[in-house]
Amino acid sequence: MTTVALHTRLLAGKEADYDRIHAVIPTELDAALRDAGVHGWTIYRSGRELFHLVECDDYAAMRAFLRDHPANIPWQARMDELLEVGDDYSGSDTGISLVWALPAEPAR
């Protein structure tokens, strides 16, 4: 399993809409994400800045699976109305580079 960090930005004034829409995602999208190998997707928001942590089997494969999925297409169209820069759907992104992480166990 891999963890990928992502960053997106909301259009000004869309914060409440984004929070409301994400309160409960469509069941079809939930199922599609799980079928694509997603084990967890957490989103943090600071103002208009969104930070995502995606835990999945294979990020590139997940993106390819969802690119034309009938549950994902309307969801992405909805997100395009809220985000400053929409997704290009190519799946070629690799996320934010990891700089440092506190190890689970201290160095000895």
PDB file of N, CA and C in Angstrom:
ATOM      1  N   MET A   1       0.858  -1.178   0.000  1.00  0.00           N
ATOM      2  CA  MET A   1       0.000   0.000   0.000  1.00  0.00           C
ATOM      3  C   MET A   1       0.899   1.234   0.000  1.00  0.00           C
ATOM      4  N   THR A   2       0.405   2.290  -0.619  1.00  0.00           N
ATOM      5  CA  THR A   2       1.141   3.539  -0.691  1.00  0.00           C
ATOM      6  C   THR A   2       0.266   4.691  -0.206  1.00  0.00           C
ATOM      7  N   THR A   3       0.914   5.737   0.303  1.00  0.00           N
ATOM      8  CA  THR A   3       0.214   6.952   0.703  1.00  0.00           C
ATOM      9  C   THR A   3       0.698   8.080  -0.185  1.00  0.00           C
ATOM     10  N   VAL A   4      -0.243   8.801  -0.790  1.00  0.00           N
ATOM     11  CA  VAL A   4       0.068   9.922  -1.672  1.00  0.00           C
ATOM     12  C   VAL A   4      -0.578  11.172  -1.097  1.00  0.00           C
ATOM     13  N   ALA A   5       0.196  12.256  -1.028  1.00  0.00           N
ATOM     14  CA  ALA A   5      -0.325  13.541  -0.580  1.00  0.00           C
ATOM     15  C   ALA A   5      -0.611  14.399  -1.811  1.00  0.00           C
ATOM     16  N   LEU A   6      -1.730  15.094  -1.780  1.00  0.00           N
ATOM     17  CA  LEU A   6      -2.139  15.964  -2.882  1.00  0.00           C
ATOM     18  C   LEU A   6      -2.500  17.336  -2.338  1.00  0.00           C
ATOM     19  N   HIS A   7      -2.429  18.343  -3.200  1.00  0.00           N
ATOM     20  CA  HIS A   7      -2.816  19.701  -2.829  1.00  0.00           C
ATOM     21  C   HIS A   7      -3.706  20.256  -3.926  1.00  0.00           C
ATOM     22  N   THR A   8      -4.832  20.816  -3.533  1.00  0.00           N
ATOM     23  CA  THR A   8      -5.716  21.527  -4.461  1.00  0.00           C
ATOM     24  C   THR A   8      -6.151  22.821  -3.794  1.00  0.00           C
ATOM     25  N   ARG A   9      -6.737  23.727  -4.574  1.00  0.00           N
ATOM     26  CA  ARG A   9      -7.166  25.018  -4.038  1.00  0.00           C
ATOM     27  C   ARG A   9      -8.588  25.299  -4.512  1.00  0.00           C
ATOM     28  N   LEU A  10      -9.408  25.759  -3.577  1.00  0.00           N
ATOM     29  CA  LEU A  10     -10.792  26.118  -3.896  1.00  0.00           C
ATOM     30  C   LEU A  10     -10.867  27.496  -4.536  1.00  0.00           C
ATOM     31  N   LEU A  11     -11.873  27.686  -5.359  1.00  0.00           N
ATOM     32  CA  LEU A  11     -12.197  29.022  -5.830  1.00  0.00           C
ATOM     33  C   LEU A  11     -12.657  29.842  -4.632  1.00  0.00           C
ATOM     34  N   ALA A  12     -12.399  31.125  -4.651  1.00  0.00           N
ATOM     35  CA  ALA A  12     -12.821  32.003  -3.565  1.00  0.00           C
ATOM     36  C   ALA A  12     -14.330  31.903  -3.359  1.00  0.00           C
ATOM     37  N   GLY A  13     -14.737  31.780  -2.111  1.00  0.00           N
ATOM     38  CA  GLY A  13     -16.149  31.728  -1.765  1.00  0.00           C
ATOM     39  C   GLY A  13     -16.790  30.358  -1.883  1.00  0.00           C
ATOM     40  N   LYS A  14     -16.028  29.323  -2.230  1.00  0.00           N
ATOM     41  CA  LYS A  14     -16.593  27.978  -2.414  1.00  0.00           C
ATOM     42  C   LYS A  14     -16.341  27.047  -1.227  1.00  0.00           C
ATOM     43  N   GLU A  15     -15.782  27.588  -0.141  1.00  0.00           N
ATOM     44  CA  GLU A  15     -15.429  26.760   0.997  1.00  0.00           C
ATOM     45  C   GLU A  15     -16.643  26.025   1.591  1.00  0.00           C
ATOM     46  N   ALA A  16     -17.711  26.738   1.848  1.00  0.00           N
ATOM     47  CA  ALA A  16     -18.899  26.119   2.453  1.00  0.00           C
ATOM     48  C   ALA A  16     -19.516  25.090   1.511  1.00  0.00           C
ATOM     49  N   ASP A  17     -19.535  25.394   0.214  1.00  0.00           N
ATOM     50  CA  ASP A  17     -20.066  24.436  -0.764  1.00  0.00           C
ATOM     51  C   ASP A  17     -19.250  23.149  -0.744  1.00  0.00           C
ATOM     52  N   TYR A  18     -17.925  23.289  -0.730  1.00  0.00           N
ATOM     53  CA  TYR A  18     -17.049  22.124  -0.730  1.00  0.00           C
ATOM     54  C   TYR A  18     -17.290  21.269   0.515  1.00  0.00           C
ATOM     55  N   ASP A  19     -17.349  21.905   1.670  1.00  0.00           N
ATOM     56  CA  ASP A  19     -17.590  21.175   2.915  1.00  0.00           C
ATOM     57  C   ASP A  19     -18.945  20.470   2.883  1.00  0.00           C
ATOM     58  N   ARG A  20     -19.972  21.166   2.414  1.00  0.00           N
ATOM     59  CA  ARG A  20     -21.325  20.585   2.352  1.00  0.00           C
ATOM     60  C   ARG A  20     -21.360  19.388   1.414  1.00  0.00           C
ATOM     61  N   ILE A  21     -20.764  19.522   0.240  1.00  0.00           N
ATOM     62  CA  ILE A  21     -20.785  18.445  -0.757  1.00  0.00           C
ATOM     63  C   ILE A  21     -20.011  17.230  -0.257  1.00  0.00           C
ATOM     64  N   HIS A  22     -18.953  17.459   0.506  1.00  0.00           N
ATOM     65  CA  HIS A  22     -18.157  16.342   1.006  1.00  0.00           C
ATOM     66  C   HIS A  22     -18.679  15.750   2.309  1.00  0.00           C
ATOM     67  N   ALA A  23     -19.737  16.315   2.870  1.00  0.00           N
ATOM     68  CA  ALA A  23     -20.291  15.758   4.106  1.00  0.00           C
ATOM     69  C   ALA A  23     -20.661  14.287   3.902  1.00  0.00           C
ATOM     70  N   VAL A  24     -21.191  13.961   2.732  1.00  0.00           N
ATOM     71  CA  VAL A  24     -21.510  12.580   2.356  1.00  0.00           C
ATOM     72  C   VAL A  24     -21.303  12.474   0.849  1.00  0.00           C
ATOM     73  N   ILE A  25     -20.345  11.641   0.450  1.00  0.00           N
ATOM     74  CA  ILE A  25     -20.136  11.468  -0.989  1.00  0.00           C
ATOM     75  C   ILE A  25     -21.123  10.418  -1.513  1.00  0.00           C
ATOM     76  N   PRO A  26     -21.412  10.431  -2.815  1.00  0.00           N
ATOM     77  CA  PRO A  26     -22.341   9.445  -3.376  1.00  0.00           C
ATOM     78  C   PRO A  26     -21.868   8.006  -3.117  1.00  0.00           C
ATOM     79  N   THR A  27     -22.803   7.122  -2.815  1.00  0.00           N
ATOM     80  CA  THR A  27     -22.446   5.723  -2.536  1.00  0.00           C
ATOM     81  C   THR A  27     -21.758   5.079  -3.740  1.00  0.00           C
ATOM     82  N   GLU A  28     -22.141   5.485  -4.947  1.00  0.00           N
ATOM     83  CA  GLU A  28     -21.521   4.923  -6.154  1.00  0.00           C
ATOM     84  C   GLU A  28     -20.046   5.327  -6.232  1.00  0.00           C
ATOM     85  N   LEU A  29     -19.733   6.558  -5.818  1.00  0.00           N
ATOM     86  CA  LEU A  29     -18.353   7.016  -5.824  1.00  0.00           C
ATOM     87  C   LEU A  29     -17.557   6.297  -4.742  1.00  0.00           C
ATOM     88  N   ASP A  30     -18.140   6.119  -3.573  1.00  0.00           N
ATOM     89  CA  ASP A  30     -17.492   5.376  -2.504  1.00  0.00           C
ATOM     90  C   ASP A  30     -17.113   3.979  -3.000  1.00  0.00           C
ATOM     91  N   ALA A  31     -18.057   3.304  -3.637  1.00  0.00           N
ATOM     92  CA  ALA A  31     -17.798   1.955  -4.148  1.00  0.00           C
ATOM     93  C   ALA A  31     -16.722   1.965  -5.229  1.00  0.00           C
ATOM     94  N   ALA A  32     -16.751   2.954  -6.114  1.00  0.00           N
ATOM     95  CA  ALA A  32     -15.750   3.040  -7.183  1.00  0.00           C
ATOM     96  C   ALA A  32     -14.356   3.258  -6.606  1.00  0.00           C
ATOM     97  N   LEU A  33     -14.236   4.121  -5.601  1.00  0.00           N
ATOM     98  CA  LEU A  33     -12.943   4.355  -4.965  1.00  0.00           C
ATOM     99  C   LEU A  33     -12.400   3.073  -4.348  1.00  0.00           C
ATOM    100  N   ARG A  34     -13.266   2.346  -3.663  1.00  0.00           N
ATOM    101  CA  ARG A  34     -12.838   1.096  -3.038  1.00  0.00           C
ATOM    102  C   ARG A  34     -12.472   0.058  -4.091  1.00  0.00           C
ATOM    103  N   ASP A  35     -13.263  -0.027  -5.163  1.00  0.00           N
ATOM    104  CA  ASP A  35     -12.949  -0.951  -6.261  1.00  0.00           C
ATOM    105  C   ASP A  35     -11.629  -0.596  -6.936  1.00  0.00           C
ATOM    106  N   ALA A  36     -11.250   0.676  -6.885  1.00  0.00           N
ATOM    107  CA  ALA A  36     -10.001   1.139  -7.486  1.00  0.00           C
ATOM    108  C   ALA A  36      -8.797   0.902  -6.575  1.00  0.00           C
ATOM    109  N   GLY A  37      -9.038   0.347  -5.394  1.00  0.00           N
ATOM    110  CA  GLY A  37      -7.934   0.044  -4.487  1.00  0.00           C
ATOM    111  C   GLY A  37      -7.648   1.109  -3.456  1.00  0.00           C
ATOM    112  N   VAL A  38      -8.588   2.042  -3.254  1.00  0.00           N
ATOM    113  CA  VAL A  38      -8.401   3.075  -2.239  1.00  0.00           C
ATOM    114  C   VAL A  38      -8.821   2.509  -0.887  1.00  0.00           C
ATOM    115  N   HIS A  39      -7.926   2.634   0.097  1.00  0.00           N
ATOM    116  CA  HIS A  39      -8.210   2.171   1.451  1.00  0.00           C
ATOM    117  C   HIS A  39      -8.615   3.321   2.357  1.00  0.00           C
ATOM    118  N   GLY A  40      -8.188   4.522   2.033  1.00  0.00           N
ATOM    119  CA  GLY A  40      -8.538   5.701   2.813  1.00  0.00           C
ATOM    120  C   GLY A  40      -8.224   6.964   2.034  1.00  0.00           C
ATOM    121  N   TRP A  41      -9.062   7.979   2.202  1.00  0.00           N
ATOM    122  CA  TRP A  41      -8.826   9.285   1.562  1.00  0.00           C
ATOM    123  C   TRP A  41      -9.264  10.339   2.566  1.00  0.00           C
ATOM    124  N   THR A  42      -8.310  11.099   3.066  1.00  0.00           N
ATOM    125  CA  THR A  42      -8.576  12.115   4.074  1.00  0.00           C
ATOM    126  C   THR A  42      -8.265  13.474   3.469  1.00  0.00           C
ATOM    127  N   ILE A  43      -9.154  14.442   3.690  1.00  0.00           N
ATOM    128  CA  ILE A  43      -8.951  15.795   3.174  1.00  0.00           C
ATOM    129  C   ILE A  43      -8.962  16.772   4.345  1.00  0.00           C
ATOM    130  N   TYR A  44      -7.931  17.619   4.388  1.00  0.00           N
ATOM    131  CA  TYR A  44      -7.846  18.711   5.362  1.00  0.00           C
ATOM    132  C   TYR A  44      -8.001  20.014   4.586  1.00  0.00           C
ATOM    133  N   ARG A  45      -8.695  20.981   5.180  1.00  0.00           N
ATOM    134  CA  ARG A  45      -8.866  22.276   4.538  1.00  0.00           C
ATOM    135  C   ARG A  45      -8.386  23.381   5.459  1.00  0.00           C
ATOM    136  N   SER A  46      -7.582  24.284   4.916  1.00  0.00           N
ATOM    137  CA  SER A  46      -7.160  25.500   5.607  1.00  0.00           C
ATOM    138  C   SER A  46      -7.508  26.653   4.681  1.00  0.00           C
ATOM    139  N   GLY A  47      -8.606  27.349   4.997  1.00  0.00           N
ATOM    140  CA  GLY A  47      -9.089  28.383   4.083  1.00  0.00           C
ATOM    141  C   GLY A  47      -9.470  27.747   2.755  1.00  0.00           C
ATOM    142  N   ARG A  48      -8.805  28.180   1.691  1.00  0.00           N
ATOM    143  CA  ARG A  48      -9.075  27.635   0.352  1.00  0.00           C
ATOM    144  C   ARG A  48      -8.139  26.487  -0.019  1.00  0.00           C
ATOM    145  N   GLU A  49      -7.151  26.225   0.833  1.00  0.00           N
ATOM    146  CA  GLU A  49      -6.152  25.195   0.535  1.00  0.00           C
ATOM    147  C   GLU A  49      -6.641  23.834   1.018  1.00  0.00           C
ATOM    148  N   LEU A  50      -6.561  22.841   0.129  1.00  0.00           N
ATOM    149  CA  LEU A  50      -6.971  21.476   0.448  1.00  0.00           C
ATOM    150  C   LEU A  50      -5.768  20.553   0.381  1.00  0.00           C
ATOM    151  N   PHE A  51      -5.619  19.732   1.400  1.00  0.00           N
ATOM    152  CA  PHE A  51      -4.537  18.757   1.451  1.00  0.00           C
ATOM    153  C   PHE A  51      -5.159  17.374   1.598  1.00  0.00           C
ATOM    154  N   HIS A  52      -4.819  16.488   0.691  1.00  0.00           N
ATOM    155  CA  HIS A  52      -5.393  15.148   0.641  1.00  0.00           C
ATOM    156  C   HIS A  52      -4.326  14.123   0.996  1.00  0.00           C
ATOM    157  N   LEU A  53      -4.686  13.115   1.753  1.00  0.00           N
ATOM    158  CA  LEU A  53      -3.850  11.943   1.981  1.00  0.00           C
ATOM    159  C   LEU A  53      -4.627  10.744   1.450  1.00  0.00           C
ATOM    160  N   VAL A  54      -4.062  10.112   0.432  1.00  0.00           N
ATOM    161  CA  VAL A  54      -4.720   8.986  -0.222  1.00  0.00           C
ATOM    162  C   VAL A  54      -3.921   7.720   0.069  1.00  0.00           C
ATOM    163  N   GLU A  55      -4.571   6.748   0.671  1.00  0.00           N
ATOM    164  CA  GLU A  55      -3.957   5.449   0.910  1.00  0.00           C
ATOM    165  C   GLU A  55      -4.581   4.463  -0.063  1.00  0.00           C
ATOM    166  N   CYS A  56      -3.735   3.912  -0.936  1.00  0.00           N
ATOM    167  CA  CYS A  56      -4.257   3.023  -1.970  1.00  0.00           C
ATOM    168  C   CYS A  56      -3.215   1.980  -2.359  1.00  0.00           C
ATOM    169  N   ASP A  57      -3.671   0.979  -3.084  1.00  0.00           N
ATOM    170  CA  ASP A  57      -2.766  -0.072  -3.544  1.00  0.00           C
ATOM    171  C   ASP A  57      -1.764   0.480  -4.551  1.00  0.00           C
ATOM    172  N   ASP A  58      -2.271   1.205  -5.544  1.00  0.00           N
ATOM    173  CA  ASP A  58      -1.435   1.711  -6.638  1.00  0.00           C
ATOM    174  C   ASP A  58      -2.081   2.997  -7.144  1.00  0.00           C
ATOM    175  N   TYR A  59      -1.447   4.137  -6.885  1.00  0.00           N
ATOM    176  CA  TYR A  59      -2.044   5.427  -7.209  1.00  0.00           C
ATOM    177  C   TYR A  59      -2.305   5.582  -8.711  1.00  0.00           C
ATOM    178  N   ALA A  60      -1.326   5.258  -9.543  1.00  0.00           N
ATOM    179  CA  ALA A  60      -1.500   5.395 -10.998  1.00  0.00           C
ATOM    180  C   ALA A  60      -2.618   4.491 -11.503  1.00  0.00           C
ATOM    181  N   ALA A  61      -2.673   3.268 -10.997  1.00  0.00           N
ATOM    182  CA  ALA A  61      -3.739   2.342 -11.404  1.00  0.00           C
ATOM    183  C   ALA A  61      -5.098   2.848 -10.943  1.00  0.00           C
ATOM    184  N   MET A  62      -5.158   3.422  -9.748  1.00  0.00           N
ATOM    185  CA  MET A  62      -6.413   3.978  -9.238  1.00  0.00           C
ATOM    186  C   MET A  62      -6.900   5.102 -10.138  1.00  0.00           C
ATOM    187  N   ARG A  63      -5.977   5.998 -10.504  1.00  0.00           N
ATOM    188  CA  ARG A  63      -6.341   7.113 -11.384  1.00  0.00           C
ATOM    189  C   ARG A  63      -6.840   6.612 -12.735  1.00  0.00           C
ATOM    190  N   ALA A  64      -6.163   5.617 -13.280  1.00  0.00           N
ATOM    191  CA  ALA A  64      -6.579   5.060 -14.573  1.00  0.00           C
ATOM    192  C   ALA A  64      -7.960   4.419 -14.467  1.00  0.00           C
ATOM    193  N   PHE A  65      -8.214   3.702 -13.377  1.00  0.00           N
ATOM    194  CA  PHE A  65      -9.498   3.045 -13.161  1.00  0.00           C
ATOM    195  C   PHE A  65     -10.634   4.063 -13.089  1.00  0.00           C
ATOM    196  N   LEU A  66     -10.384   5.176 -12.393  1.00  0.00           N
ATOM    197  CA  LEU A  66     -11.435   6.175 -12.164  1.00  0.00           C
ATOM    198  C   LEU A  66     -11.626   7.147 -13.328  1.00  0.00           C
ATOM    199  N   ARG A  67     -10.626   7.274 -14.194  1.00  0.00           N
ATOM    200  CA  ARG A  67     -10.648   8.291 -15.254  1.00  0.00           C
ATOM    201  C   ARG A  67     -11.984   8.326 -16.005  1.00  0.00           C
ATOM    202  N   ASP A  68     -12.487   7.199 -16.443  1.00  0.00           N
ATOM    203  CA  ASP A  68     -13.731   7.151 -17.221  1.00  0.00           C
ATOM    204  C   ASP A  68     -14.857   6.437 -16.480  1.00  0.00           C
ATOM    205  N   HIS A  69     -14.702   6.282 -15.172  1.00  0.00           N
ATOM    206  CA  HIS A  69     -15.721   5.564 -14.396  1.00  0.00           C
ATOM    207  C   HIS A  69     -17.001   6.405 -14.316  1.00  0.00           C
ATOM    208  N   PRO A  70     -18.160   5.796 -14.561  1.00  0.00           N
ATOM    209  CA  PRO A  70     -19.426   6.552 -14.554  1.00  0.00           C
ATOM    210  C   PRO A  70     -19.773   7.220 -13.227  1.00  0.00           C
ATOM    211  N   ALA A  71     -19.236   6.755 -12.122  1.00  0.00           N
ATOM    212  CA  ALA A  71     -19.483   7.425 -10.827  1.00  0.00           C
ATOM    213  C   ALA A  71     -18.541   8.605 -10.634  1.00  0.00           C
ATOM    214  N   ASN A  72     -17.383   8.570 -11.271  1.00  0.00           N
ATOM    215  CA  ASN A  72     -16.382   9.612 -11.069  1.00  0.00           C
ATOM    216  C   ASN A  72     -16.592  10.810 -11.998  1.00  0.00           C
ATOM    217  N   ILE A  73     -17.090  10.587 -13.198  1.00  0.00           N
ATOM    218  CA  ILE A  73     -17.226  11.675 -14.175  1.00  0.00           C
ATOM    219  C   ILE A  73     -18.112  12.807 -13.651  1.00  0.00           C
ATOM    220  N   PRO A  74     -19.326  12.522 -13.147  1.00  0.00           N
ATOM    221  CA  PRO A  74     -20.137  13.637 -12.621  1.00  0.00           C
ATOM    222  C   PRO A  74     -19.543  14.259 -11.359  1.00  0.00           C
ATOM    223  N   TRP A  75     -18.849  13.453 -10.546  1.00  0.00           N
ATOM    224  CA  TRP A  75     -18.216  13.995  -9.346  1.00  0.00           C
ATOM    225  C   TRP A  75     -17.127  14.982  -9.729  1.00  0.00           C
ATOM    226  N   GLN A  76     -16.298  14.624 -10.697  1.00  0.00           N
ATOM    227  CA  GLN A  76     -15.228  15.520 -11.125  1.00  0.00           C
ATOM    228  C   GLN A  76     -15.785  16.786 -11.769  1.00  0.00           C
ATOM    229  N   ALA A  77     -16.884  16.665 -12.498  1.00  0.00           N
ATOM    230  CA  ALA A  77     -17.514  17.857 -13.079  1.00  0.00           C
ATOM    231  C   ALA A  77     -17.977  18.789 -11.958  1.00  0.00           C
ATOM    232  N   ARG A  78     -18.493  18.214 -10.896  1.00  0.00           N
ATOM    233  CA  ARG A  78     -18.931  19.003  -9.743  1.00  0.00           C
ATOM    234  C   ARG A  78     -17.741  19.678  -9.059  1.00  0.00           C
ATOM    235  N   MET A  79     -16.635  18.927  -8.922  1.00  0.00           N
ATOM    236  CA  MET A  79     -15.437  19.488  -8.300  1.00  0.00           C
ATOM    237  C   MET A  79     -14.829  20.592  -9.165  1.00  0.00           C
ATOM    238  N   ASP A  80     -14.918  20.457 -10.479  1.00  0.00           N
ATOM    239  CA  ASP A  80     -14.399  21.487 -11.379  1.00  0.00           C
ATOM    240  C   ASP A  80     -15.070  22.839 -11.142  1.00  0.00           C
ATOM    241  N   GLU A  81     -16.313  22.829 -10.640  1.00  0.00           N
ATOM    242  CA  GLU A  81     -17.033  24.064 -10.341  1.00  0.00           C
ATOM    243  C   GLU A  81     -16.524  24.726  -9.058  1.00  0.00           C
ATOM    244  N   LEU A  82     -15.778  23.975  -8.248  1.00  0.00           N
ATOM    245  CA  LEU A  82     -15.333  24.456  -6.946  1.00  0.00           C
ATOM    246  C   LEU A  82     -13.831  24.725  -6.869  1.00  0.00           C
ATOM    247  N   LEU A  83     -13.062  24.057  -7.717  1.00  0.00           N
ATOM    248  CA  LEU A  83     -11.602  24.129  -7.619  1.00  0.00           C
ATOM    249  C   LEU A  83     -11.013  25.163  -8.556  1.00  0.00           C
ATOM    250  N   GLU A  84      -9.950  25.806  -8.092  1.00  0.00           N
ATOM    251  CA  GLU A  84      -9.272  26.823  -8.886  1.00  0.00           C
ATOM    252  C   GLU A  84      -8.686  26.226 -10.167  1.00  0.00           C
ATOM    253  N   VAL A  85      -8.079  25.064 -10.032  1.00  0.00           N
ATOM    254  CA  VAL A  85      -7.531  24.355 -11.190  1.00  0.00           C
ATOM    255  C   VAL A  85      -8.093  22.953 -11.157  1.00  0.00           C
ATOM    256  N   GLY A  86      -8.799  22.581 -12.215  1.00  0.00           N
ATOM    257  CA  GLY A  86      -9.399  21.259 -12.268  1.00  0.00           C
ATOM    258  C   GLY A  86      -8.375  20.192 -12.601  1.00  0.00           C
ATOM    259  N   ASP A  87      -8.793  18.963 -12.477  1.00  0.00           N
ATOM    260  CA  ASP A  87      -7.954  17.805 -12.763  1.00  0.00           C
ATOM    261  C   ASP A  87      -7.856  17.616 -14.270  1.00  0.00           C
ATOM    262  N   ASP A  88      -6.666  17.262 -14.759  1.00  0.00           N
ATOM    263  CA  ASP A  88      -6.528  17.005 -16.195  1.00  0.00           C
ATOM    264  C   ASP A  88      -6.900  15.568 -16.542  1.00  0.00           C
ATOM    265  N   TYR A  89      -7.191  14.754 -15.535  1.00  0.00           N
ATOM    266  CA  TYR A  89      -7.641  13.367 -15.678  1.00  0.00           C
ATOM    267  C   TYR A  89      -6.629  12.452 -16.340  1.00  0.00           C
ATOM    268  N   SER A  90      -5.403  12.918 -16.548  1.00  0.00           N
ATOM    269  CA  SER A  90      -4.405  12.062 -17.192  1.00  0.00           C
ATOM    270  C   SER A  90      -3.892  10.989 -16.237  1.00  0.00           C
ATOM    271  N   GLY A  91      -3.938  11.289 -14.946  1.00  0.00           N
ATOM    272  CA  GLY A  91      -3.414  10.343 -13.976  1.00  0.00           C
ATOM    273  C   GLY A  91      -1.909  10.343 -13.901  1.00  0.00           C
ATOM    274  N   SER A  92      -1.276  11.314 -14.547  1.00  0.00           N
ATOM    275  CA  SER A  92       0.187  11.338 -14.580  1.00  0.00           C
ATOM    276  C   SER A  92       0.799  12.013 -13.362  1.00  0.00           C
ATOM    277  N   ASP A  93      -0.025  12.640 -12.522  1.00  0.00           N
ATOM    278  CA  ASP A  93       0.528  13.302 -11.338  1.00  0.00           C
ATOM    279  C   ASP A  93       1.016  12.257 -10.344  1.00  0.00           C
ATOM    280  N   THR A  94       1.959  12.645  -9.513  1.00  0.00           N
ATOM    281  CA  THR A  94       2.494  11.726  -8.516  1.00  0.00           C
ATOM    282  C   THR A  94       2.311  12.242  -7.101  1.00  0.00           C
ATOM    283  N   GLY A  95       1.653  13.375  -6.957  1.00  0.00           N
ATOM    284  CA  GLY A  95       1.399  13.920  -5.636  1.00  0.00           C
ATOM    285  C   GLY A  95       2.532  14.811  -5.159  1.00  0.00           C
ATOM    286  N   ILE A  96       2.442  15.205  -3.901  1.00  0.00           N
ATOM    287  CA  ILE A  96       3.426  16.074  -3.264  1.00  0.00           C
ATOM    288  C   ILE A  96       4.588  15.207  -2.782  1.00  0.00           C
ATOM    289  N   SER A  97       5.799  15.662  -3.010  1.00  0.00           N
ATOM    290  CA  SER A  97       6.981  14.913  -2.579  1.00  0.00           C
ATOM    291  C   SER A  97       7.117  14.921  -1.056  1.00  0.00           C
ATOM    292  N   LEU A  98       7.436  13.775  -0.497  1.00  0.00           N
ATOM    293  CA  LEU A  98       7.681  13.656   0.929  1.00  0.00           C
ATOM    294  C   LEU A  98       9.050  14.238   1.250  1.00  0.00           C
ATOM    295  N   VAL A  99       9.109  15.099   2.238  1.00  0.00           N
ATOM    296  CA  VAL A  99      10.367  15.700   2.667  1.00  0.00           C
ATOM    297  C   VAL A  99      10.882  15.012   3.926  1.00  0.00           C
ATOM    298  N   TRP A 100      10.004  14.772   4.891  1.00  0.00           N
ATOM    299  CA  TRP A 100      10.423  14.215   6.165  1.00  0.00           C
ATOM    300  C   TRP A 100       9.235  13.587   6.853  1.00  0.00           C
ATOM    301  N   ALA A 101       9.487  12.535   7.617  1.00  0.00           N
ATOM    302  CA  ALA A 101       8.457  11.907   8.442  1.00  0.00           C
ATOM    303  C   ALA A 101       9.094  11.419   9.727  1.00  0.00           C
ATOM    304  N   LEU A 102       8.415  11.576  10.831  1.00  0.00           N
ATOM    305  CA  LEU A 102       8.890  11.050  12.110  1.00  0.00           C
ATOM    306  C   LEU A 102       8.738   9.535  12.074  1.00  0.00           C
ATOM    307  N   PRO A 103       9.825   8.799  12.266  1.00  0.00           N
ATOM    308  CA  PRO A 103       9.711   7.350  12.247  1.00  0.00           C
ATOM    309  C   PRO A 103       8.823   6.835  13.384  1.00  0.00           C
ATOM    310  N   ALA A 104       8.184   5.708  13.159  1.00  0.00           N
ATOM    311  CA  ALA A 104       7.322   5.121  14.188  1.00  0.00           C
ATOM    312  C   ALA A 104       8.133   4.759  15.422  1.00  0.00           C
ATOM    313  N   GLU A 105       9.368   4.342  15.228  1.00  0.00           N
ATOM    314  CA  GLU A 105      10.259   3.983  16.326  1.00  0.00           C
ATOM    315  C   GLU A 105      11.456   4.927  16.319  1.00  0.00           C
ATOM    316  N   PRO A 106      11.923   5.354  17.467  1.00  0.00           N
ATOM    317  CA  PRO A 106      13.095   6.236  17.501  1.00  0.00           C
ATOM    318  C   PRO A 106      14.339   5.502  17.006  1.00  0.00           C
ATOM    319  N   ALA A 107      15.248   6.283  16.411  1.00  0.00           N
ATOM    320  CA  ALA A 107      16.524   5.711  15.956  1.00  0.00           C
ATOM    321  C   ALA A 107      17.328   5.264  17.171  1.00  0.00           C
ATOM    322  N   ARG A 108      18.057   4.200  17.033  1.00  0.00           N
ATOM    323  CA  ARG A 108      18.863   3.674  18.156  1.00  0.00           C
ATOM    324  C   ARG A 108      20.318   3.706  17.796  1.00  0.00           C
TER     325      ARG A 108
END
